[in-house]
PDB file of N, CA and C in Angstrom:
ATOM      1  N   MET A   1      25.222  25.772  -3.152  1.00  0.00           N
ATOM      2  CA  MET A   1      25.079  24.548  -2.357  1.00  0.00           C
ATOM      3  C   MET A   1      23.804  23.780  -2.984  1.00  0.00           C
ATOM      4  N   ALA A   2      24.123  22.568  -3.141  1.00  0.00           N
ATOM      5  CA  ALA A   2      23.176  21.614  -3.848  1.00  0.00           C
ATOM      6  C   ALA A   2      22.219  21.037  -2.859  1.00  0.00           C
ATOM      7  N   ARG A   3      21.135  20.686  -2.901  1.00  0.00           N
ATOM      8  CA  ARG A   3      20.232  20.074  -1.967  1.00  0.00           C
ATOM      9  C   ARG A   3      19.465  18.929  -2.674  1.00  0.00           C
ATOM     10  N   HIS A   4      19.550  17.830  -2.192  1.00  0.00           N
ATOM     11  CA  HIS A   4      18.666  16.768  -2.491  1.00  0.00           C
ATOM     12  C   HIS A   4      17.655  16.162  -1.531  1.00  0.00           C
ATOM     13  N   GLU A   5      16.492  16.047  -1.915  1.00  0.00           N
ATOM     14  CA  GLU A   5      15.580  15.506  -0.651  1.00  0.00           C
ATOM     15  C   GLU A   5      14.741  14.321  -1.337  1.00  0.00           C
ATOM     16  N   PHE A   6      14.752  13.415  -0.491  1.00  0.00           N
ATOM     17  CA  PHE A   6      14.230  12.012  -0.893  1.00  0.00           C
ATOM     18  C   PHE A   6      13.117  11.760   0.142  1.00  0.00           C
ATOM     19  N   ARG A   7      12.051  11.407  -0.323  1.00  0.00           N
ATOM     20  CA  ARG A   7      10.877  11.067   0.675  1.00  0.00           C
ATOM     21  C   ARG A   7      10.348   9.695   0.643  1.00  0.00           C
ATOM     22  N   PHE A   8       9.673   9.246   1.773  1.00  0.00           N
ATOM     23  CA  PHE A   8       9.227   7.909   1.901  1.00  0.00           C
ATOM     24  C   PHE A   8       7.733   8.148   2.144  1.00  0.00           C
ATOM     25  N   VAL A   9       6.788   7.973   1.862  1.00  0.00           N
ATOM     26  CA  VAL A   9       5.205   8.184   2.069  1.00  0.00           C
ATOM     27  C   VAL A   9       4.461   7.019   2.284  1.00  0.00           C
ATOM     28  N   VAL A  10       3.871   6.789   3.353  1.00  0.00           N
ATOM     29  CA  VAL A  10       3.044   5.797   3.684  1.00  0.00           C
ATOM     30  C   VAL A  10       1.744   6.451   3.738  1.00  0.00           C
ATOM     31  N   ASP A  11       0.590   5.865   3.068  1.00  0.00           N
ATOM     32  CA  ASP A  11      -0.741   6.325   2.946  1.00  0.00           C
ATOM     33  C   ASP A  11      -1.663   5.412   3.271  1.00  0.00           C
ATOM     34  N   GLY A  12      -2.559   5.726   3.877  1.00  0.00           N
ATOM     35  CA  GLY A  12      -3.995   4.730   4.200  1.00  0.00           C
ATOM     36  C   GLY A  12      -3.448   3.575   5.118  1.00  0.00           C
ATOM     37  N   VAL A  13      -2.470   3.878   5.927  1.00  0.00           N
ATOM     38  CA  VAL A  13      -2.194   2.932   6.984  1.00  0.00           C
ATOM     39  C   VAL A  13      -2.152   3.482   8.445  1.00  0.00           C
ATOM     40  N   ASP A  14      -2.697   3.195   9.181  1.00  0.00           N
ATOM     41  CA  ASP A  14      -2.842   3.775  10.728  1.00  0.00           C
ATOM     42  C   ASP A  14      -1.735   3.297  11.473  1.00  0.00           C
ATOM     43  N   LEU A  15      -0.609   4.062  11.785  1.00  0.00           N
ATOM     44  CA  LEU A  15       0.550   3.780  12.484  1.00  0.00           C
ATOM     45  C   LEU A  15       0.447   4.401  13.884  1.00  0.00           C
ATOM     46  N   THR A  16       0.955   3.671  14.865  1.00  0.00           N
ATOM     47  CA  THR A  16       1.064   4.139  16.282  1.00  0.00           C
ATOM     48  C   THR A  16       2.409   5.221  16.325  1.00  0.00           C
ATOM     49  N   SER A  17       2.444   5.788  17.202  1.00  0.00           N
ATOM     50  CA  SER A  17       3.679   6.518  17.392  1.00  0.00           C
ATOM     51  C   SER A  17       4.915   5.984  17.490  1.00  0.00           C
ATOM     52  N   ALA A  18       4.812   4.858  18.266  1.00  0.00           N
ATOM     53  CA  ALA A  18       5.947   3.947  18.391  1.00  0.00           C
ATOM     54  C   ALA A  18       6.348   3.287  16.829  1.00  0.00           C
ATOM     55  N   GLN A  19       5.405   2.966  16.140  1.00  0.00           N
ATOM     56  CA  GLN A  19       5.615   2.422  14.835  1.00  0.00           C
ATOM     57  C   GLN A  19       6.275   3.532  13.977  1.00  0.00           C
ATOM     58  N   GLN A  20       5.749   4.908  14.022  1.00  0.00           N
ATOM     59  CA  GLN A  20       6.149   6.019  13.319  1.00  0.00           C
ATOM     60  C   GLN A  20       7.843   6.109  13.692  1.00  0.00           C
ATOM     61  N   SER A  21       8.043   6.142  14.951  1.00  0.00           N
ATOM     62  CA  SER A  21       9.444   6.237  15.387  1.00  0.00           C
ATOM     63  C   SER A  21      10.290   5.247  14.752  1.00  0.00           C
ATOM     64  N   GLN A  22       9.875   3.982  14.958  1.00  0.00           N
ATOM     65  CA  GLN A  22      10.550   2.936  14.480  1.00  0.00           C
ATOM     66  C   GLN A  22      10.887   2.895  12.897  1.00  0.00           C
ATOM     67  N   ILE A  23       9.938   3.167  12.131  1.00  0.00           N
ATOM     68  CA  ILE A  23       9.929   3.323  10.863  1.00  0.00           C
ATOM     69  C   ILE A  23      10.890   4.429  10.455  1.00  0.00           C
ATOM     70  N   ALA A  24      10.789   5.655  11.162  1.00  0.00           N
ATOM     71  CA  ALA A  24      11.716   6.877  10.968  1.00  0.00           C
ATOM     72  C   ALA A  24      13.119   6.144  11.061  1.00  0.00           C
ATOM     73  N   GLY A  25      13.442   5.797  12.028  1.00  0.00           N
ATOM     74  CA  GLY A  25      14.780   5.095  12.529  1.00  0.00           C
ATOM     75  C   GLY A  25      15.279   4.221  11.508  1.00  0.00           C
ATOM     76  N   GLU A  26      14.588   3.396  10.942  1.00  0.00           N
ATOM     77  CA  GLU A  26      15.080   2.424   9.900  1.00  0.00           C
ATOM     78  C   GLU A  26      15.253   3.256   8.556  1.00  0.00           C
ATOM     79  N   ILE A  27      14.356   4.301   8.316  1.00  0.00           N
ATOM     80  CA  ILE A  27      14.700   4.888   7.125  1.00  0.00           C
ATOM     81  C   ILE A  27      15.847   5.942   7.414  1.00  0.00           C
ATOM     82  N   GLN A  28      16.242   6.300   8.438  1.00  0.00           N
ATOM     83  CA  GLN A  28      17.452   7.010   8.650  1.00  0.00           C
ATOM     84  C   GLN A  28      18.706   6.268   8.264  1.00  0.00           C
ATOM     85  N   LYS A  29      18.745   5.165   9.107  1.00  0.00           N
ATOM     86  CA  LYS A  29      19.770   4.213   8.801  1.00  0.00           C
ATOM     87  C   LYS A  29      19.967   3.722   7.262  1.00  0.00           C
ATOM     88  N   ALA A  30      18.935   3.484   6.614  1.00  0.00           N
ATOM     89  CA  ALA A  30      18.869   3.194   5.188  1.00  0.00           C
ATOM     90  C   ALA A  30      19.419   4.341   4.364  1.00  0.00           C
ATOM     91  N   GLY A  31      19.075   5.609   4.784  1.00  0.00           N
ATOM     92  CA  GLY A  31      19.476   6.864   3.943  1.00  0.00           C
ATOM     93  C   GLY A  31      21.000   6.947   4.073  1.00  0.00           C
ATOM     94  N   LEU A  32      21.595   6.704   5.318  1.00  0.00           N
ATOM     95  CA  LEU A  32      22.903   6.971   5.459  1.00  0.00           C
ATOM     96  C   LEU A  32      23.806   5.721   4.993  1.00  0.00           C
ATOM     97  N   ALA A  33      23.238   4.570   5.026  1.00  0.00           N
ATOM     98  CA  ALA A  33      23.774   3.592   4.054  1.00  0.00           C
ATOM     99  C   ALA A  33      23.937   3.876   2.495  1.00  0.00           C
ATOM    100  N   ALA A  34      22.741   4.357   2.265  1.00  0.00           N
ATOM    101  CA  ALA A  34      22.746   4.782   0.834  1.00  0.00           C
ATOM    102  C   ALA A  34      23.813   5.693   0.240  1.00  0.00           C
ATOM    103  N   LEU A  35      24.254   6.706   1.023  1.00  0.00           N
ATOM    104  CA  LEU A  35      25.360   7.778   0.878  1.00  0.00           C
ATOM    105  C   LEU A  35      26.385   6.973   0.800  1.00  0.00           C
ATOM    106  N   SER A  36      26.752   5.814   1.591  1.00  0.00           N
ATOM    107  CA  SER A  36      27.893   4.992   1.516  1.00  0.00           C
ATOM    108  C   SER A  36      28.064   4.217   0.109  1.00  0.00           C
ATOM    109  N   VAL A  37      27.020   3.668  -0.098  1.00  0.00           N
ATOM    110  CA  VAL A  37      26.876   2.702  -1.185  1.00  0.00           C
ATOM    111  C   VAL A  37      26.962   3.525  -2.420  1.00  0.00           C
ATOM    112  N   ALA A  38      26.445   4.702  -2.595  1.00  0.00           N
ATOM    113  CA  ALA A  38      26.810   5.569  -3.718  1.00  0.00           C
ATOM    114  C   ALA A  38      27.989   6.186  -3.940  1.00  0.00           C
ATOM    115  N   GLY A  39      28.888   5.969  -2.760  1.00  0.00           N
ATOM    116  CA  GLY A  39      30.198   6.574  -3.029  1.00  0.00           C
ATOM    117  C   GLY A  39      30.212   8.080  -2.703  1.00  0.00           C
ATOM    118  N   THR A  40      29.465   8.475  -1.941  1.00  0.00           N
ATOM    119  CA  THR A  40      29.447   9.940  -1.731  1.00  0.00           C
ATOM    120  C   THR A  40      30.563  10.222  -0.885  1.00  0.00           C
ATOM    121  N   LYS A  41      31.177  11.449  -1.423  1.00  0.00           N
ATOM    122  CA  LYS A  41      32.406  12.086  -0.706  1.00  0.00           C
ATOM    123  C   LYS A  41      31.871  13.229   0.214  1.00  0.00           C
ATOM    124  N   LEU A  42      31.921  12.983   1.362  1.00  0.00           N
ATOM    125  CA  LEU A  42      31.550  14.048   2.432  1.00  0.00           C
ATOM    126  C   LEU A  42      32.738  14.513   3.173  1.00  0.00           C
ATOM    127  N   THR A  43      33.096  15.867   3.257  1.00  0.00           N
ATOM    128  CA  THR A  43      34.016  16.395   3.825  1.00  0.00           C
ATOM    129  C   THR A  43      34.039  16.675   5.237  1.00  0.00           C
ATOM    130  N   ASN A  44      32.928  16.911   5.971  1.00  0.00           N
ATOM    131  CA  ASN A  44      32.843  17.520   7.171  1.00  0.00           C
ATOM    132  C   ASN A  44      31.268  17.316   7.513  1.00  0.00           C
ATOM    133  N   PRO A  45      30.684  16.016   7.440  1.00  0.00           N
ATOM    134  CA  PRO A  45      29.267  15.868   7.606  1.00  0.00           C
ATOM    135  C   PRO A  45      28.731  15.838   8.952  1.00  0.00           C
ATOM    136  N   ILE A  46      27.599  16.391   8.964  1.00  0.00           N
ATOM    137  CA  ILE A  46      26.898  16.642  10.401  1.00  0.00           C
ATOM    138  C   ILE A  46      25.506  16.077  10.054  1.00  0.00           C
ATOM    139  N   ALA A  47      24.909  15.043  10.860  1.00  0.00           N
ATOM    140  CA  ALA A  47      23.609  14.532  10.447  1.00  0.00           C
ATOM    141  C   ALA A  47      22.598  14.934  11.674  1.00  0.00           C
ATOM    142  N   LEU A  48      21.548  15.471  11.287  1.00  0.00           N
ATOM    143  CA  LEU A  48      20.612  16.021  12.341  1.00  0.00           C
ATOM    144  C   LEU A  48      19.210  15.437  12.048  1.00  0.00           C
ATOM    145  N   GLY A  49      18.529  14.901  13.404  1.00  0.00           N
ATOM    146  CA  GLY A  49      17.211  14.343  12.966  1.00  0.00           C
ATOM    147  C   GLY A  49      16.697  13.825  14.215  1.00  0.00           C
ATOM    148  N   HIS A  50      15.297  13.592  14.097  1.00  0.00           N
ATOM    149  CA  HIS A  50      14.739  12.855  15.445  1.00  0.00           C
ATOM    150  C   HIS A  50      13.367  12.395  14.911  1.00  0.00           C
ATOM    151  N   ALA A  51      12.686  11.654  15.742  1.00  0.00           N
ATOM    152  CA  ALA A  51      11.319  10.942  15.437  1.00  0.00           C
ATOM    153  C   ALA A  51      10.338  11.355  16.259  1.00  0.00           C
ATOM    154  N   ASN A  52      10.631  12.600  17.072  1.00  0.00           N
ATOM    155  CA  ASN A  52       9.699  13.193  17.994  1.00  0.00           C
ATOM    156  C   ASN A  52       8.897  14.076  17.391  1.00  0.00           C
ATOM    157  N   LEU A  53       7.659  13.769  16.968  1.00  0.00           N
ATOM    158  CA  LEU A  53       6.766  14.749  16.101  1.00  0.00           C
ATOM    159  C   LEU A  53       6.134  15.880  17.185  1.00  0.00           C
ATOM    160  N   ARG A  54       6.331  15.917  18.381  1.00  0.00           N
ATOM    161  CA  ARG A  54       5.829  16.845  19.366  1.00  0.00           C
ATOM    162  C   ARG A  54       6.994  17.868  19.386  1.00  0.00           C
ATOM    163  N   LEU A  55       8.165  17.252  19.183  1.00  0.00           N
ATOM    164  CA  LEU A  55       9.423  18.368  19.531  1.00  0.00           C
ATOM    165  C   LEU A  55       9.278  19.494  18.470  1.00  0.00           C
ATOM    166  N   ARG A  56       9.606  18.997  17.167  1.00  0.00           N
ATOM    167  CA  ARG A  56       9.472  19.985  16.037  1.00  0.00           C
ATOM    168  C   ARG A  56       9.121  18.969  14.754  1.00  0.00           C
ATOM    169  N   PRO A  57       7.700  19.050  14.428  1.00  0.00           N
ATOM    170  CA  PRO A  57       7.250  18.193  13.449  1.00  0.00           C
ATOM    171  C   PRO A  57       8.029  18.227  12.233  1.00  0.00           C
ATOM    172  N   GLU A  58       8.413  19.599  11.665  1.00  0.00           N
ATOM    173  CA  GLU A  58       9.039  19.913  10.580  1.00  0.00           C
ATOM    174  C   GLU A  58      10.512  19.279  10.327  1.00  0.00           C
ATOM    175  N   TRP A  59      10.774  18.972  11.625  1.00  0.00           N
ATOM    176  CA  TRP A  59      12.262  18.244  11.521  1.00  0.00           C
ATOM    177  C   TRP A  59      12.249  16.697  11.574  1.00  0.00           C
ATOM    178  N   TYR A  60      11.075  16.131  11.318  1.00  0.00           N
ATOM    179  CA  TYR A  60      10.995  14.565  11.462  1.00  0.00           C
ATOM    180  C   TYR A  60      11.566  14.106  10.205  1.00  0.00           C
ATOM    181  N   GLY A  61      12.739  13.323  10.694  1.00  0.00           N
ATOM    182  CA  GLY A  61      13.430  12.622   9.587  1.00  0.00           C
ATOM    183  C   GLY A  61      14.898  13.011   9.815  1.00  0.00           C
ATOM    184  N   LEU A  62      15.820  13.073   8.815  1.00  0.00           N
ATOM    185  CA  LEU A  62      17.162  13.092   9.014  1.00  0.00           C
ATOM    186  C   LEU A  62      17.594  14.008   8.022  1.00  0.00           C
ATOM    187  N   TRP A  63      18.600  14.856   8.553  1.00  0.00           N
ATOM    188  CA  TRP A  63      19.232  15.936   7.533  1.00  0.00           C
ATOM    189  C   TRP A  63      20.760  15.565   7.586  1.00  0.00           C
ATOM    190  N   VAL A  64      21.411  15.336   6.608  1.00  0.00           N
ATOM    191  CA  VAL A  64      22.842  15.102   6.378  1.00  0.00           C
ATOM    192  C   VAL A  64      23.405  16.499   5.664  1.00  0.00           C
ATOM    193  N   ILE A  65      24.106  17.161   6.588  1.00  0.00           N
ATOM    194  CA  ILE A  65      24.669  18.527   5.851  1.00  0.00           C
ATOM    195  C   ILE A  65      26.039  18.403   5.865  1.00  0.00           C
ATOM    196  N   ASP A  66      26.739  18.912   4.828  1.00  0.00           N
ATOM    197  CA  ASP A  66      28.140  18.735   4.615  1.00  0.00           C
ATOM    198  C   ASP A  66      28.590  20.081   4.069  1.00  0.00           C
ATOM    199  N   GLY A  67      30.025  20.372   4.058  1.00  0.00           N
ATOM    200  CA  GLY A  67      30.725  21.562   3.922  1.00  0.00           C
ATOM    201  C   GLY A  67      30.537  22.707   4.804  1.00  0.00           C
ATOM    202  N   PRO A  68      30.629  23.917   4.311  1.00  0.00           N
ATOM    203  CA  PRO A  68      30.890  25.239   5.191  1.00  0.00           C
ATOM    204  C   PRO A  68      29.891  25.423   6.073  1.00  0.00           C
ATOM    205  N   PHE A  69      28.550  25.198   5.625  1.00  0.00           N
ATOM    206  CA  PHE A  69      27.180  25.376   6.529  1.00  0.00           C
ATOM    207  C   PHE A  69      27.338  24.182   7.480  1.00  0.00           C
ATOM    208  N   ALA A  70      27.916  23.140   7.429  1.00  0.00           N
ATOM    209  CA  ALA A  70      28.024  22.021   8.440  1.00  0.00           C
ATOM    210  C   ALA A  70      28.996  22.338   9.467  1.00  0.00           C
ATOM    211  N   GLN A  71      30.078  22.824   8.938  1.00  0.00           N
ATOM    212  CA  GLN A  71      31.008  23.478  10.073  1.00  0.00           C
ATOM    213  C   GLN A  71      30.412  24.533  10.759  1.00  0.00           C
ATOM    214  N   ASP A  72      29.803  25.514  10.305  1.00  0.00           N
ATOM    215  CA  ASP A  72      29.308  26.500  10.993  1.00  0.00           C
ATOM    216  C   ASP A  72      28.133  26.152  11.847  1.00  0.00           C
ATOM    217  N   LEU A  73      27.394  25.192  11.536  1.00  0.00           N
ATOM    218  CA  LEU A  73      26.097  24.687  12.414  1.00  0.00           C
ATOM    219  C   LEU A  73      26.912  23.794  13.492  1.00  0.00           C
ATOM    220  N   GLY A  74      27.818  23.103  13.171  1.00  0.00           N
ATOM    221  CA  GLY A  74      28.371  22.182  14.242  1.00  0.00           C
ATOM    222  C   GLY A  74      29.267  22.949  15.403  1.00  0.00           C
ATOM    223  N   GLU A  75      29.889  24.227  14.877  1.00  0.00           N
ATOM    224  CA  GLU A  75      30.405  24.974  15.873  1.00  0.00           C
ATOM    225  C   GLU A  75      29.244  25.576  16.898  1.00  0.00           C
ATOM    226  N   LYS A  76      27.976  25.993  16.276  1.00  0.00           N
ATOM    227  CA  LYS A  76      27.169  26.523  17.033  1.00  0.00           C
ATOM    228  C   LYS A  76      26.366  25.356  18.035  1.00  0.00           C
ATOM    229  N   ILE A  77      26.421  24.212  17.485  1.00  0.00           N
ATOM    230  CA  ILE A  77      25.925  23.176  18.368  1.00  0.00           C
ATOM    231  C   ILE A  77      26.915  22.809  19.386  1.00  0.00           C
ATOM    232  N   ASN A  78      28.084  22.972  19.235  1.00  0.00           N
ATOM    233  CA  ASN A  78      29.377  22.713  20.059  1.00  0.00           C
ATOM    234  C   ASN A  78      29.331  23.880  21.147  1.00  0.00           C
ATOM    235  N   ASP A  79      29.174  25.049  20.806  1.00  0.00           N
ATOM    236  CA  ASP A  79      28.992  26.143  21.856  1.00  0.00           C
ATOM    237  C   ASP A  79      27.851  25.740  22.947  1.00  0.00           C
ATOM    238  N   ILE A  80      26.843  24.853  22.650  1.00  0.00           N
ATOM    239  CA  ILE A  80      25.894  24.433  23.642  1.00  0.00           C
ATOM    240  C   ILE A  80      26.247  23.177  24.039  1.00  0.00           C
ATOM    241  N   GLY A  81      27.292  22.628  23.720  1.00  0.00           N
ATOM    242  CA  GLY A  81      27.722  21.295  24.479  1.00  0.00           C
ATOM    243  C   GLY A  81      27.295  19.962  23.830  1.00  0.00           C
ATOM    244  N   PHE A  82      27.092  20.093  22.465  1.00  0.00           N
ATOM    245  CA  PHE A  82      26.369  18.753  21.949  1.00  0.00           C
ATOM    246  C   PHE A  82      27.227  18.083  20.773  1.00  0.00           C
ATOM    247  N   TRP A  83      28.252  18.925  20.429  1.00  0.00           N
ATOM    248  CA  TRP A  83      28.950  18.257  19.056  1.00  0.00           C
ATOM    249  C   TRP A  83      30.313  18.665  19.331  1.00  0.00           C
ATOM    250  N   LEU A  84      31.278  17.791  18.934  1.00  0.00           N
ATOM    251  CA  LEU A  84      32.730  17.981  18.987  1.00  0.00           C
ATOM    252  C   LEU A  84      33.255  17.708  17.652  1.00  0.00           C
ATOM    253  N   GLN A  85      34.083  18.413  17.237  1.00  0.00           N
ATOM    254  CA  GLN A  85      34.659  18.459  15.745  1.00  0.00           C
ATOM    255  C   GLN A  85      35.821  17.452  16.058  1.00  0.00           C
ATOM    256  N   LYS A  86      35.973  16.486  15.052  1.00  0.00           N
ATOM    257  CA  LYS A  86      37.125  15.541  15.229  1.00  0.00           C
ATOM    258  C   LYS A  86      38.653  16.169  14.767  1.00  0.00           C
TER     259      LYS A  86
END
């Protein structure tokens, strides 16, 4: 399974929590749009992410998962009531 990671780093600028969340949301939208512009063929994608640093700091951002792992993960999420397969 291939993995590609893209980062956006802001250094030397003090940002409030609200600003961090707003920027994270805009970067998430831009990343999803870039997948479309690049003509990426996703079969069964699931997007996970958030902008709450207190919840799980290591999850800050957005993950787009596709393929068999996305199906397995989606079914597990569905078991707790958050995801429905199309």
